[in-house]
Amino acid sequence: MFRNGNSTLTRNNAGLSFYFHKFLTGQVVTLNAFKRFYLSLFVTYVTLENCYTTMLRIT
């Protein structure tokens, strides 16, 4: 029974490491996506900031 549990544990461990590897390889893609997302947010923020300061300058 203990050996059976041990083999199950080993099998789970292999599955976990596989999912962890998939998570890590997927992490690179999501990191690039986050970079693009934050870059677009930053550009939007800068654009809004410029519009706001321009409006202040006009008024």
PDB file of N, CA and C in Angstrom:
ATOM      1  N   MET A   1       0.837  -1.197   0.000  1.00  0.00           N
ATOM      2  CA  MET A   1       0.000   0.000   0.000  1.00  0.00           C
ATOM      3  C   MET A   1       0.879   1.257   0.000  1.00  0.00           C
ATOM      4  N   PHE A   2       1.927   1.225   0.789  1.00  0.00           N
ATOM      5  CA  PHE A   2       2.813   2.388   0.851  1.00  0.00           C
ATOM      6  C   PHE A   2       3.517   2.598  -0.485  1.00  0.00           C
ATOM      7  N   ARG A   3       3.925   1.442  -1.096  1.00  0.00           N
ATOM      8  CA  ARG A   3       4.598   1.559  -2.386  1.00  0.00           C
ATOM      9  C   ARG A   3       3.635   2.100  -3.439  1.00  0.00           C
ATOM     10  N   ASN A   4       2.363   1.708  -3.323  1.00  0.00           N
ATOM     11  CA  ASN A   4       1.360   2.193  -4.254  1.00  0.00           C
ATOM     12  C   ASN A   4       1.198   3.709  -4.109  1.00  0.00           C
ATOM     13  N   GLY A   5       1.124   4.174  -2.858  1.00  0.00           N
ATOM     14  CA  GLY A   5       1.016   5.605  -2.602  1.00  0.00           C
ATOM     15  C   GLY A   5       2.241   6.351  -3.095  1.00  0.00           C
ATOM     16  N   ASN A   6       3.397   5.713  -2.942  1.00  0.00           N
ATOM     17  CA  ASN A   6       4.645   6.331  -3.353  1.00  0.00           C
ATOM     18  C   ASN A   6       4.686   6.510  -4.866  1.00  0.00           C
ATOM     19  N   SER A   7       4.233   5.484  -5.604  1.00  0.00           N
ATOM     20  CA  SER A   7       4.234   5.587  -7.060  1.00  0.00           C
ATOM     21  C   SER A   7       3.244   6.658  -7.515  1.00  0.00           C
ATOM     22  N   THR A   8       2.126   6.760  -6.794  1.00  0.00           N
ATOM     23  CA  THR A   8       1.154   7.812  -7.111  1.00  0.00           C
ATOM     24  C   THR A   8       1.778   9.175  -6.881  1.00  0.00           C
ATOM     25  N   LEU A   9       2.536   9.289  -5.790  1.00  0.00           N
ATOM     26  CA  LEU A   9       3.206  10.544  -5.470  1.00  0.00           C
ATOM     27  C   LEU A   9       4.209  10.906  -6.561  1.00  0.00           C
ATOM     28  N   THR A  10       4.967   9.902  -7.009  1.00  0.00           N
ATOM     29  CA  THR A  10       5.946  10.139  -8.069  1.00  0.00           C
ATOM     30  C   THR A  10       5.246  10.563  -9.348  1.00  0.00           C
ATOM     31  N   ARG A  11       4.130   9.906  -9.647  1.00  0.00           N
ATOM     32  CA  ARG A  11       3.393  10.245 -10.858  1.00  0.00           C
ATOM     33  C   ARG A  11       2.861  11.675 -10.761  1.00  0.00           C
ATOM     34  N   ASN A  12       2.348  12.047  -9.589  1.00  0.00           N
ATOM     35  CA  ASN A  12       1.856  13.412  -9.388  1.00  0.00           C
ATOM     36  C   ASN A  12       2.984  14.419  -9.509  1.00  0.00           C
ATOM     37  N   ASN A  13       4.144  14.053  -8.993  1.00  0.00           N
ATOM     38  CA  ASN A  13       5.301  14.927  -9.043  1.00  0.00           C
ATOM     39  C   ASN A  13       5.707  15.189 -10.488  1.00  0.00           C
ATOM     40  N   ALA A  14       5.712  14.132 -11.300  1.00  0.00           N
ATOM     41  CA  ALA A  14       6.054  14.279 -12.712  1.00  0.00           C
ATOM     42  C   ALA A  14       5.024  15.154 -13.409  1.00  0.00           C
ATOM     43  N   GLY A  15       3.761  14.958 -13.085  1.00  0.00           N
ATOM     44  CA  GLY A  15       2.704  15.781 -13.668  1.00  0.00           C
ATOM     45  C   GLY A  15       2.844  17.233 -13.262  1.00  0.00           C
ATOM     46  N   LEU A  16       3.193  17.445 -11.984  1.00  0.00           N
ATOM     47  CA  LEU A  16       3.359  18.807 -11.489  1.00  0.00           C
ATOM     48  C   LEU A  16       4.519  19.505 -12.175  1.00  0.00           C
ATOM     49  N   SER A  17       5.633  18.785 -12.331  1.00  0.00           N
ATOM     50  CA  SER A  17       6.787  19.402 -12.980  1.00  0.00           C
ATOM     51  C   SER A  17       6.480  19.707 -14.438  1.00  0.00           C
ATOM     52  N   PHE A  18       5.663  18.831 -15.075  1.00  0.00           N
ATOM     53  CA  PHE A  18       5.268  19.079 -16.463  1.00  0.00           C
ATOM     54  C   PHE A  18       4.423  20.344 -16.542  1.00  0.00           C
ATOM     55  N   TYR A  19       3.455  20.465 -15.624  1.00  0.00           N
ATOM     56  CA  TYR A  19       2.602  21.654 -15.628  1.00  0.00           C
ATOM     57  C   TYR A  19       3.397  22.901 -15.273  1.00  0.00           C
ATOM     58  N   PHE A  20       4.372  22.731 -14.376  1.00  0.00           N
ATOM     59  CA  PHE A  20       5.213  23.865 -13.997  1.00  0.00           C
ATOM     60  C   PHE A  20       6.037  24.328 -15.194  1.00  0.00           C
ATOM     61  N   HIS A  21       6.538  23.355 -15.968  1.00  0.00           N
ATOM     62  CA  HIS A  21       7.301  23.680 -17.177  1.00  0.00           C
ATOM     63  C   HIS A  21       6.409  24.397 -18.184  1.00  0.00           C
ATOM     64  N   LYS A  22       5.178  23.878 -18.336  1.00  0.00           N
ATOM     65  CA  LYS A  22       4.226  24.529 -19.239  1.00  0.00           C
ATOM     66  C   LYS A  22       3.913  25.935 -18.751  1.00  0.00           C
ATOM     67  N   PHE A  23       3.785  26.072 -17.426  1.00  0.00           N
ATOM     68  CA  PHE A  23       3.503  27.381 -16.838  1.00  0.00           C
ATOM     69  C   PHE A  23       4.655  28.343 -17.102  1.00  0.00           C
ATOM     70  N   LEU A  24       5.883  27.850 -16.957  1.00  0.00           N
ATOM     71  CA  LEU A  24       7.054  28.704 -17.174  1.00  0.00           C
ATOM     72  C   LEU A  24       7.178  29.113 -18.631  1.00  0.00           C
ATOM     73  N   THR A  25       6.941  28.162 -19.550  1.00  0.00           N
ATOM     74  CA  THR A  25       7.040  28.503 -20.965  1.00  0.00           C
ATOM     75  C   THR A  25       5.899  29.426 -21.361  1.00  0.00           C
ATOM     76  N   GLY A  26       4.739  29.234 -20.747  1.00  0.00           N
ATOM     77  CA  GLY A  26       3.623  30.131 -20.998  1.00  0.00           C
ATOM     78  C   GLY A  26       3.841  31.494 -20.368  1.00  0.00           C
ATOM     79  N   GLN A  27       4.634  31.512 -19.298  1.00  0.00           N
ATOM     80  CA  GLN A  27       4.904  32.753 -18.578  1.00  0.00           C
ATOM     81  C   GLN A  27       5.616  33.758 -19.470  1.00  0.00           C
ATOM     82  N   VAL A  28       6.497  33.267 -20.330  1.00  0.00           N
ATOM     83  CA  VAL A  28       7.237  34.152 -21.228  1.00  0.00           C
ATOM     84  C   VAL A  28       6.269  34.867 -22.160  1.00  0.00           C
ATOM     85  N   VAL A  29       5.301  34.112 -22.675  1.00  0.00           N
ATOM     86  CA  VAL A  29       4.307  34.693 -23.582  1.00  0.00           C
ATOM     87  C   VAL A  29       3.474  35.728 -22.844  1.00  0.00           C
ATOM     88  N   THR A  30       3.024  35.383 -21.636  1.00  0.00           N
ATOM     89  CA  THR A  30       2.197  36.321 -20.881  1.00  0.00           C
ATOM     90  C   THR A  30       3.011  37.533 -20.466  1.00  0.00           C
ATOM     91  N   LEU A  31       4.307  37.343 -20.232  1.00  0.00           N
ATOM     92  CA  LEU A  31       5.166  38.466 -19.865  1.00  0.00           C
ATOM     93  C   LEU A  31       5.232  39.463 -21.008  1.00  0.00           C
ATOM     94  N   ASN A  32       5.401  38.956 -22.231  1.00  0.00           N
ATOM     95  CA  ASN A  32       5.405  39.835 -23.397  1.00  0.00           C
ATOM     96  C   ASN A  32       4.061  40.519 -23.565  1.00  0.00           C
ATOM     97  N   ALA A  33       2.995  39.773 -23.327  1.00  0.00           N
ATOM     98  CA  ALA A  33       1.654  40.352 -23.431  1.00  0.00           C
ATOM     99  C   ALA A  33       1.471  41.446 -22.384  1.00  0.00           C
ATOM    100  N   PHE A  34       1.953  41.195 -21.160  1.00  0.00           N
ATOM    101  CA  PHE A  34       1.860  42.199 -20.104  1.00  0.00           C
ATOM    102  C   PHE A  34       2.673  43.431 -20.459  1.00  0.00           C
ATOM    103  N   LYS A  35       3.864  43.198 -21.034  1.00  0.00           N
ATOM    104  CA  LYS A  35       4.704  44.331 -21.439  1.00  0.00           C
ATOM    105  C   LYS A  35       3.973  45.186 -22.455  1.00  0.00           C
ATOM    106  N   ARG A  36       3.393  44.517 -23.459  1.00  0.00           N
ATOM    107  CA  ARG A  36       2.642  45.259 -24.481  1.00  0.00           C
ATOM    108  C   ARG A  36       1.470  45.998 -23.854  1.00  0.00           C
ATOM    109  N   PHE A  37       0.777  45.318 -22.930  1.00  0.00           N
ATOM    110  CA  PHE A  37      -0.389  45.911 -22.280  1.00  0.00           C
ATOM    111  C   PHE A  37       0.004  47.150 -21.484  1.00  0.00           C
ATOM    112  N   TYR A  38       1.061  47.014 -20.667  1.00  0.00           N
ATOM    113  CA  TYR A  38       1.487  48.141 -19.854  1.00  0.00           C
ATOM    114  C   TYR A  38       2.066  49.262 -20.702  1.00  0.00           C
ATOM    115  N   LEU A  39       2.709  48.902 -21.796  1.00  0.00           N
ATOM    116  CA  LEU A  39       3.241  49.911 -22.706  1.00  0.00           C
ATOM    117  C   LEU A  39       2.104  50.716 -23.313  1.00  0.00           C
ATOM    118  N   SER A  40       1.050  50.025 -23.741  1.00  0.00           N
ATOM    119  CA  SER A  40      -0.100  50.733 -24.311  1.00  0.00           C
ATOM    120  C   SER A  40      -0.779  51.590 -23.246  1.00  0.00           C
ATOM    121  N   LEU A  41      -0.842  51.071 -22.001  1.00  0.00           N
ATOM    122  CA  LEU A  41      -1.406  51.866 -20.910  1.00  0.00           C
ATOM    123  C   LEU A  41      -0.589  53.121 -20.678  1.00  0.00           C
ATOM    124  N   PHE A  42       0.735  52.949 -20.697  1.00  0.00           N
ATOM    125  CA  PHE A  42       1.639  54.077 -20.468  1.00  0.00           C
ATOM    126  C   PHE A  42       1.502  55.116 -21.570  1.00  0.00           C
ATOM    127  N   VAL A  43       1.426  54.637 -22.813  1.00  0.00           N
ATOM    128  CA  VAL A  43       1.256  55.545 -23.948  1.00  0.00           C
ATOM    129  C   VAL A  43      -0.062  56.299 -23.826  1.00  0.00           C
ATOM    130  N   THR A  44      -1.111  55.573 -23.444  1.00  0.00           N
ATOM    131  CA  THR A  44      -2.416  56.210 -23.247  1.00  0.00           C
ATOM    132  C   THR A  44      -2.340  57.252 -22.146  1.00  0.00           C
ATOM    133  N   TYR A  45      -1.652  56.896 -21.055  1.00  0.00           N
ATOM    134  CA  TYR A  45      -1.518  57.823 -19.924  1.00  0.00           C
ATOM    135  C   TYR A  45      -0.766  59.082 -20.349  1.00  0.00           C
ATOM    136  N   VAL A  46       0.336  58.903 -21.078  1.00  0.00           N
ATOM    137  CA  VAL A  46       1.132  60.042 -21.532  1.00  0.00           C
ATOM    138  C   VAL A  46       0.314  60.918 -22.473  1.00  0.00           C
ATOM    139  N   THR A  47      -0.440  60.281 -23.357  1.00  0.00           N
ATOM    140  CA  THR A  47      -1.286  61.030 -24.293  1.00  0.00           C
ATOM    141  C   THR A  47      -2.333  61.837 -23.539  1.00  0.00           C
ATOM    142  N   LEU A  48      -2.978  61.194 -22.552  1.00  0.00           N
ATOM    143  CA  LEU A  48      -3.979  61.901 -21.751  1.00  0.00           C
ATOM    144  C   LEU A  48      -3.344  63.042 -20.977  1.00  0.00           C
ATOM    145  N   GLU A  49      -2.163  62.780 -20.438  1.00  0.00           N
ATOM    146  CA  GLU A  49      -1.439  63.800 -19.679  1.00  0.00           C
ATOM    147  C   GLU A  49      -1.110  64.991 -20.576  1.00  0.00           C
ATOM    148  N   ASN A  50      -0.676  64.713 -21.797  1.00  0.00           N
ATOM    149  CA  ASN A  50      -0.368  65.781 -22.745  1.00  0.00           C
ATOM    150  C   ASN A  50      -1.613  66.572 -23.097  1.00  0.00           C
ATOM    151  N   CYS A  51      -2.721  65.876 -23.308  1.00  0.00           N
ATOM    152  CA  CYS A  51      -3.985  66.553 -23.607  1.00  0.00           C
ATOM    153  C   CYS A  51      -4.386  67.450 -22.447  1.00  0.00           C
ATOM    154  N   TYR A  52      -4.220  66.920 -21.236  1.00  0.00           N
ATOM    155  CA  TYR A  52      -4.618  67.675 -20.047  1.00  0.00           C
ATOM    156  C   TYR A  52      -3.769  68.929 -19.891  1.00  0.00           C
ATOM    157  N   THR A  53      -2.442  68.790 -20.034  1.00  0.00           N
ATOM    158  CA  THR A  53      -1.566  69.951 -19.887  1.00  0.00           C
ATOM    159  C   THR A  53      -1.802  70.953 -21.009  1.00  0.00           C
ATOM    160  N   THR A  54      -2.090  70.449 -22.199  1.00  0.00           N
ATOM    161  CA  THR A  54      -2.402  71.349 -23.320  1.00  0.00           C
ATOM    162  C   THR A  54      -3.682  72.115 -23.037  1.00  0.00           C
ATOM    163  N   MET A  55      -4.685  71.437 -22.497  1.00  0.00           N
ATOM    164  CA  MET A  55      -5.944  72.095 -22.148  1.00  0.00           C
ATOM    165  C   MET A  55      -5.714  73.148 -21.077  1.00  0.00           C
ATOM    166  N   LEU A  56      -4.854  72.826 -20.108  1.00  0.00           N
ATOM    167  CA  LEU A  56      -4.554  73.793 -19.052  1.00  0.00           C
ATOM    168  C   LEU A  56      -3.849  75.011 -19.642  1.00  0.00           C
ATOM    169  N   ARG A  57      -2.965  74.762 -20.592  1.00  0.00           N
ATOM    170  CA  ARG A  57      -2.218  75.844 -21.210  1.00  0.00           C
ATOM    171  C   ARG A  57      -3.153  76.742 -22.018  1.00  0.00           C
ATOM    172  N   ILE A  58      -4.139  76.114 -22.669  1.00  0.00           N
ATOM    173  CA  ILE A  58      -5.078  76.878 -23.497  1.00  0.00           C
ATOM    174  C   ILE A  58      -5.969  77.748 -22.616  1.00  0.00           C
ATOM    175  N   THR A  59      -6.448  77.166 -21.504  1.00  0.00           N
ATOM    176  CA  THR A  59      -7.414  77.906 -20.672  1.00  0.00           C
ATOM    177  C   THR A  59      -6.752  78.899 -19.756  1.00  0.00           C
TER     178      THR A  59
END
